Structure formats: structure tokens, C-alpha cells
Amino acid sequence: MIQSMTGYGKASCDLGEKTATFEIKTLNSKQLDLYFRVPNGYREKEMEMRNELMNKIKRGKVEVNLNIEFKEGKLATQINVAVVKDYYNQLKAITDEIGITSDEPVLQAVLRMPEALNSEKHSIDKDESSMLLKTLSIAMEELDKFRGNEGAALAHDISNRILLIEKFLDSIEPFEKERGEMMRAKLQNSLLDFVPQESIDKNRYEQELIYYLEKLDISEEKTRLRHHCRYFIEVMAEPDQVGRKLGFVAQEIGREINTIGSKANHSGIQKLVVLMKDELEKIKEQLLNVL
């Protein structure tokens, strides 16, 4: 069953003093476009986590966020109180001297000064590393579920549109006999405009008429179009990622519809061709989001 390239997955784990949460968001893209955001203390694991993702996600624009939330009383960053006080007193003296009355900009400036904050250096042990990779795997499983559900909705919509194309194809048949009679009458009237009735070689005329009507025959195109539609449905049921394959089959469907349109020579058939093209364009739009 097809999967959507749009999805969302989330998973968390308890790491003692903190909680780690992975969020994965995906959108459609022709290639794999992976964007990873992790806290500075976890950069050393980024490549390993990227490889895990790339082994399972082959296409799409992927955004991964790792958020570390410390529990109450535990902070990753501590304020260097003595340094902040010293900076504040110095800056306060300057602001008072030049007439700046607001304290808020001063404090904001202090916190951006060197050594105002002490970031705790964090080393990731084997157990924490294993827990992070396991949590990432769970987030990817949630992503797969989401994309599977979205894919099921896409499959339902696309299947209905393929069935509509087949329905419009069946509706062509009543017009074909009428078209043949119209073309026969049109050719005969055109011929009589230039050649008298008694001068027409009936055998030659019938041969030329059959040759002309055969050039306008759409039986093969109808057969191929019906085959492509059925094959399209079969491909959607395959377990692999079939987005590109479905795109190729859709191109073949479009080629047969265009050929039928070029041979139509009947307003009723042309209208059905327009309806088939409309459904096919909607299918192609949906396929842009199929994995």
C-alpha cells in the first residue's frame, strides 16, 4: 500500500535528570532532504542518528528535532552569579551616567556577556546513546503509521479517479459507431462535390474509406489505456515505495488519452477525453506526495 511523504512522528524517553523527545516532520520532495536539529551536547551522536534515518527514509523533506528538557532543579546552563553582578554594576553605572532608566535592556546585555552563563559539558554514555537510538526508532515507527494512514487516504482517492477514467473510457463506445457513420457521410459528400456519382469506382472508394477509418480507429489505444489503468491499481498495492513507478505509469495513461483525443473527430468523444485528462491531472498532483 502506498505511503504519503507527509507525516509526523514523536517519541520521548526518560534519561534520569532529563527527558529526551524526538519530533520528525516530513514533506514531499523528489530527493531526501534531511535537516537535523540537536542540542550542542549531543552533536557527537548526530551522524549515527542521521544514518539510522537514512536507512529507513529514502525520499522527502525531513526535519528532525531532538529536545532535551531538564527536570525541576536541574539545568543544563547555570548563571555565573558573581560575573553577572559585576557586569550589571558596571553597566548600571554607565546607564545612570548617560540617563538610561530602564533596567531590562541592561540585564539582557549582561546575560550576553562572556562567562555570564556556564554551560554544563555533557558526555553521552553507552546506555544513554542506546536509549536515544531506541527512541528515535519509535518516532520513526510513529511516522510510518502516520504516513501509512495518509497513504491509505491518497490510495482511496487515486483509485476512485482511475475508476472514473475507465468509466469515461467505457462511455466512448456508443459514440464510435455514430462517428463511423458521420465520417463515411462526410467523405462521400466531399467526394461528390468534385466527382459525379456515376464516375466513382465503388471498390476503390470502399478501400480508401476503410483505410481512412482504420487510421482513426482507437481500439488499440482503448485496450492499452485499460491495461495501464489496471496496472496502476496493481502497482499501488505493492509493498515497496512506488511513487516514481506510479508517475511513469501515469505518463503512459496520459499518452493513450492524448492519442484518443487526436483521433476522436467527434465532440462526444472529445468531451470524455477532457474529463479523463482532468482526472489524470488530479492524480498527478496527488502522486507528488506519494512516497
Protein backbone atom coordinates (compact mmCIF):
# COMPACT_ATOMS: atom_id res chain seq x y z
CA MET A 1 0.00 0.00 0.00
CA ILE A 2 1.28 3.45 -0.86
CA GLN A 3 2.59 5.87 1.76
CA SER A 4 2.37 9.63 1.88
CA MET A 5 5.55 11.69 2.08
CA THR A 6 3.76 13.98 4.55
CA GLY A 7 3.97 12.70 8.11
CA TYR A 8 4.71 13.30 11.77
CA GLY A 9 6.22 11.12 14.46
CA LYS A 10 7.08 11.80 18.08
CA ALA A 11 8.61 9.75 20.92
CA SER A 12 10.12 10.52 24.33
CA CYS A 13 12.32 8.73 26.85
CA ASP A 14 13.39 9.31 30.45
CA LEU A 15 17.12 9.87 30.92
CA GLY A 16 17.13 10.35 34.68
CA GLU A 17 17.66 14.07 35.21
CA LYS A 18 16.14 14.94 31.84
CA THR A 19 13.68 13.86 29.17
CA ALA A 20 14.63 13.46 25.53
CA THR A 21 11.97 13.98 22.86
CA PHE A 22 12.32 13.31 19.13
CA GLU A 23 9.97 15.01 16.68
CA ILE A 24 10.07 14.07 12.98
CA LYS A 25 8.19 16.04 10.34
CA THR A 26 8.22 15.13 6.65
CA LEU A 27 7.02 16.84 3.48
CA ASN A 28 7.16 15.89 -0.17
CA SER A 29 10.41 16.21 -2.12
CA LYS A 30 11.91 14.41 -5.11
CA GLN A 31 15.06 13.54 -3.14
CA LEU A 32 15.95 13.03 0.52
CA ASP A 33 16.45 16.44 2.14
CA LEU A 34 17.36 15.84 5.79
CA TYR A 35 17.57 18.65 8.34
CA PHE A 36 18.70 17.72 11.86
CA ARG A 37 18.48 19.94 14.94
CA VAL A 38 20.10 18.67 18.15
CA PRO A 39 21.43 20.41 21.30
CA ASN A 40 25.16 21.17 21.29
CA GLY A 41 25.92 18.45 23.83
CA TYR A 42 24.51 15.78 21.52
CA ARG A 43 26.32 16.70 18.31
CA GLU A 44 28.58 13.68 18.61
CA LYS A 45 25.57 11.38 18.07
CA GLU A 46 24.12 13.31 15.14
CA MET A 47 25.85 11.32 12.41
CA GLU A 48 24.78 8.00 13.90
CA MET A 49 21.19 9.22 14.18
CA ARG A 50 21.32 10.55 10.62
CA ASN A 51 22.41 7.15 9.36
CA GLU A 52 19.52 5.48 11.19
CA LEU A 53 17.09 7.85 9.49
CA MET A 54 18.64 7.50 6.04
CA ASN A 55 18.37 3.71 6.26
CA LYS A 56 14.60 3.96 6.66
CA ILE A 57 13.58 7.19 4.96
CA LYS A 58 14.51 7.35 1.28
CA ARG A 59 12.62 10.38 -0.02
CA GLY A 60 11.09 13.58 1.26
CA LYS A 61 11.99 16.75 3.10
CA VAL A 62 12.67 15.59 6.66
CA GLU A 63 13.03 17.78 9.73
CA VAL A 64 14.20 16.12 12.95
CA ASN A 65 14.27 17.90 16.30
CA LEU A 66 15.82 16.47 19.47
CA ASN A 67 14.66 18.40 22.52
CA ILE A 68 16.25 17.88 25.94
CA GLU A 69 14.09 19.02 28.84
CA PHE A 70 15.67 19.05 32.29
CA LYS A 71 13.58 18.16 35.30
CA GLU A 72 12.87 20.59 38.13
CA GLY A 73 16.04 21.69 39.88
CA LYS A 74 18.26 20.50 37.05
CA LEU A 75 19.51 22.95 34.46
CA ALA A 76 21.87 22.47 31.56
CA THR A 77 23.07 26.07 31.95
CA GLN A 78 23.92 27.82 35.20
CA ILE A 79 24.13 31.60 35.73
CA ASN A 80 27.60 32.74 36.84
CA VAL A 81 26.25 34.95 39.64
CA ALA A 82 29.46 36.79 40.57
CA VAL A 83 30.27 37.66 36.97
CA VAL A 84 26.68 38.79 36.24
CA LYS A 85 26.64 41.06 39.31
CA ASP A 86 29.94 42.62 38.34
CA TYR A 87 28.80 43.21 34.75
CA TYR A 88 25.49 44.65 35.96
CA ASN A 89 27.06 47.11 38.39
CA GLN A 90 29.43 48.37 35.75
CA LEU A 91 26.73 48.75 33.09
CA LYS A 92 24.26 50.27 35.58
CA ALA A 93 26.76 52.95 36.44
CA ILE A 94 27.19 53.75 32.77
CA THR A 95 23.42 53.87 32.07
CA ASP A 96 22.81 56.09 35.08
CA GLU A 97 25.51 58.42 33.91
CA ILE A 98 24.04 58.82 30.42
CA GLY A 99 20.40 58.88 31.62
CA ILE A 100 19.04 55.43 30.61
CA THR A 101 16.36 54.48 33.16
CA SER A 102 15.17 51.00 32.05
CA ASP A 103 16.86 48.08 33.82
CA GLU A 104 15.63 45.39 31.40
CA PRO A 105 17.98 46.14 28.47
CA VAL A 106 20.90 46.19 30.90
CA LEU A 107 20.13 42.74 32.23
CA GLN A 108 19.65 41.37 28.73
CA ALA A 109 23.01 42.82 27.74
CA VAL A 110 24.66 41.31 30.83
CA LEU A 111 23.45 37.82 30.05
CA ARG A 112 25.02 38.05 26.60
CA MET A 113 28.42 38.99 28.00
CA PRO A 114 31.29 36.45 28.07
CA GLU A 115 31.29 34.00 31.01
CA ALA A 116 27.83 35.15 32.20
CA LEU A 117 26.50 31.62 31.68
CA ASN A 118 28.22 28.34 32.38
CA SER A 119 27.06 25.53 30.12
CA GLU A 120 27.42 22.10 31.60
CA LYS A 121 29.59 19.84 29.47
CA HIS A 122 27.74 16.64 28.80
CA SER A 123 29.16 13.26 27.83
CA ILE A 124 26.84 10.59 26.42
CA ASP A 125 27.40 7.15 27.87
CA LYS A 126 26.53 3.86 26.17
CA ASP A 127 23.17 3.43 27.92
CA GLU A 128 22.01 6.95 27.04
CA SER A 129 23.14 6.51 23.46
CA SER A 130 21.22 3.25 23.18
CA MET A 131 18.11 4.84 24.69
CA LEU A 132 18.29 7.77 22.26
CA LEU A 133 18.54 5.49 19.22
CA LYS A 134 15.67 3.35 20.51
CA THR A 135 13.52 6.45 21.00
CA LEU A 136 14.40 7.69 17.53
CA SER A 137 13.33 4.31 16.15
CA ILE A 138 9.97 4.59 17.95
CA ALA A 139 9.48 8.09 16.50
CA MET A 140 10.15 6.68 13.02
CA GLU A 141 7.58 3.93 13.64
CA GLU A 142 5.03 6.59 14.57
CA LEU A 143 5.99 8.47 11.42
CA ASP A 144 5.40 5.32 9.34
CA LYS A 145 1.96 4.86 10.89
CA PHE A 146 1.05 8.46 10.12
CA ARG A 147 2.31 8.21 6.55
CA GLY A 148 0.54 4.89 6.12
CA ASN A 149 -2.79 6.41 7.18
CA GLU A 150 -2.25 9.37 4.88
CA GLY A 151 -1.25 6.98 2.10
CA ALA A 152 -4.44 4.97 2.54
CA ALA A 153 -6.49 8.14 2.04
CA LEU A 154 -4.43 9.01 -1.04
CA ALA A 155 -4.85 5.48 -2.43
CA HIS A 156 -8.62 5.65 -1.99
CA ASP A 157 -8.85 8.97 -3.81
CA ILE A 158 -6.50 7.95 -6.63
CA SER A 159 -8.23 4.59 -7.12
CA ASN A 160 -11.58 6.32 -7.50
CA ARG A 161 -10.13 8.63 -10.13
CA ILE A 162 -8.64 5.70 -12.06
CA LEU A 163 -12.07 4.04 -11.98
CA LEU A 164 -13.58 7.27 -13.31
CA ILE A 165 -11.12 7.24 -16.22
CA GLU A 166 -12.17 3.66 -17.01
CA LYS A 167 -15.83 4.67 -16.76
CA PHE A 168 -15.29 7.53 -19.21
CA LEU A 169 -13.44 5.10 -21.48
CA ASP A 170 -16.44 2.76 -21.49
CA SER A 171 -18.66 5.72 -22.36
CA ILE A 172 -16.75 6.24 -25.63
CA GLU A 173 -18.12 3.06 -27.24
CA PRO A 174 -21.65 4.36 -28.07
CA PHE A 175 -20.09 7.28 -29.96
CA GLU A 176 -17.79 5.14 -32.10
CA LYS A 177 -20.49 3.71 -34.37
CA GLU A 178 -22.01 7.15 -34.75
CA ARG A 179 -18.59 8.57 -35.54
CA GLY A 180 -18.00 5.97 -38.26
CA GLU A 181 -21.30 6.79 -39.95
CA MET A 182 -20.60 10.52 -39.73
CA MET A 183 -17.14 10.14 -41.24
CA ARG A 184 -18.50 7.94 -44.06
CA ALA A 185 -21.17 10.52 -44.91
CA LYS A 186 -18.70 13.40 -44.69
CA LEU A 187 -16.21 11.73 -47.02
CA GLN A 188 -18.89 10.76 -49.50
CA ASN A 189 -20.34 14.27 -49.63
CA SER A 190 -16.88 15.76 -50.06
CA LEU A 191 -16.14 13.35 -52.91
CA LEU A 192 -19.43 14.13 -54.67
CA ASP A 193 -18.54 17.81 -54.62
CA PHE A 194 -15.73 17.03 -57.09
CA VAL A 195 -16.64 13.72 -58.78
CA PRO A 196 -20.02 12.73 -60.26
CA GLN A 197 -21.74 9.71 -58.67
CA GLU A 198 -21.51 7.60 -61.85
CA SER A 199 -17.77 8.21 -62.15
CA ILE A 200 -16.90 6.84 -58.70
CA ASP A 201 -15.15 3.47 -58.58
CA LYS A 202 -17.05 1.88 -55.70
CA ASN A 203 -14.40 -0.77 -54.95
CA ARG A 204 -11.64 1.82 -54.82
CA TYR A 205 -13.86 4.13 -52.81
CA GLU A 206 -14.53 1.41 -50.22
CA GLN A 207 -10.83 0.60 -49.97
CA GLU A 208 -9.93 4.24 -49.39
CA LEU A 209 -12.76 4.61 -46.90
CA ILE A 210 -11.64 1.58 -44.92
CA TYR A 211 -8.04 2.84 -44.95
CA TYR A 212 -9.12 6.24 -43.65
CA LEU A 213 -11.36 4.83 -40.93
CA GLU A 214 -8.61 2.46 -39.81
CA LYS A 215 -6.32 5.44 -39.28
CA LEU A 216 -8.93 6.89 -36.95
CA ASP A 217 -9.57 3.61 -35.14
CA ILE A 218 -8.90 3.87 -31.37
CA SER A 219 -9.36 0.21 -30.40
CA GLU A 220 -5.67 -0.31 -29.63
CA GLU A 221 -5.45 2.89 -27.62
CA LYS A 222 -8.51 1.91 -25.61
CA THR A 223 -7.03 -1.52 -24.89
CA ARG A 224 -3.68 -0.07 -23.82
CA LEU A 225 -5.34 2.60 -21.69
CA ARG A 226 -7.45 0.00 -19.91
CA HIS A 227 -4.33 -2.13 -19.33
CA HIS A 228 -2.39 0.84 -17.92
CA CYS A 229 -5.24 1.69 -15.53
CA ARG A 230 -5.36 -1.86 -14.20
CA TYR A 231 -1.58 -1.99 -13.89
CA PHE A 232 -1.68 1.30 -11.99
CA ILE A 233 -4.00 -0.25 -9.39
CA GLU A 234 -1.70 -3.30 -9.13
CA VAL A 235 1.37 -1.15 -8.54
CA MET A 236 -0.40 0.77 -5.75
CA ALA A 237 -0.83 -2.50 -3.87
CA GLU A 238 2.90 -3.33 -3.98
CA PRO A 239 4.71 -3.16 -0.61
CA ASP A 240 7.65 -1.10 -1.89
CA GLN A 241 7.91 2.66 -2.34
CA VAL A 242 6.13 3.08 -5.67
CA GLY A 243 5.69 6.84 -6.09
CA ARG A 244 8.11 7.15 -9.02
CA LYS A 245 6.79 3.99 -10.66
CA LEU A 246 3.23 5.27 -10.46
CA GLY A 247 4.42 8.51 -12.03
CA PHE A 248 5.76 6.60 -15.04
CA VAL A 249 2.51 4.63 -15.43
CA ALA A 250 0.53 7.89 -15.20
CA GLN A 251 2.61 9.24 -18.10
CA GLU A 252 1.63 6.21 -20.21
CA ILE A 253 -2.02 6.72 -19.30
CA GLY A 254 -1.74 10.33 -20.42
CA ARG A 255 -0.12 9.30 -23.71
CA GLU A 256 -3.01 6.99 -24.60
CA ILE A 257 -5.64 9.58 -23.62
CA ASN A 258 -3.91 12.17 -25.83
CA THR A 259 -3.84 9.77 -28.78
CA ILE A 260 -7.53 9.01 -28.39
CA GLY A 261 -8.19 12.75 -28.34
CA SER A 262 -6.17 13.35 -31.51
CA LYS A 263 -8.13 10.62 -33.33
CA ALA A 264 -11.54 11.44 -31.84
CA ASN A 265 -13.19 13.51 -34.60
CA HIS A 266 -16.35 13.53 -32.52
CA SER A 267 -17.48 16.10 -29.97
CA GLY A 268 -18.85 13.46 -27.59
CA ILE A 269 -15.53 11.60 -27.52
CA GLN A 270 -13.61 14.85 -27.14
CA LYS A 271 -15.66 15.77 -24.07
CA LEU A 272 -14.88 12.39 -22.50
CA VAL A 273 -11.18 12.86 -23.30
CA VAL A 274 -11.26 16.22 -21.50
CA LEU A 275 -12.85 14.57 -18.45
CA MET A 276 -10.20 11.83 -18.46
CA LYS A 277 -7.42 14.40 -18.69
CA ASP A 278 -8.91 16.33 -15.78
CA GLU A 279 -8.92 13.22 -13.57
CA LEU A 280 -5.39 12.33 -14.63
CA GLU A 281 -4.09 15.80 -13.70
CA LYS A 282 -5.63 15.42 -10.25
CA ILE A 283 -3.94 12.02 -9.93
CA LYS A 284 -0.57 13.52 -10.91
CA GLU A 285 -0.98 16.20 -8.23
CA GLN A 286 -1.64 13.51 -5.63
CA LEU A 287 1.35 11.47 -6.82
CA LEU A 288 3.67 14.36 -5.93
CA ASN A 289 3.02 13.42 -2.29
CA VAL A 290 3.34 9.63 -2.73
CA LEU A 291 6.49 8.01 -1.35
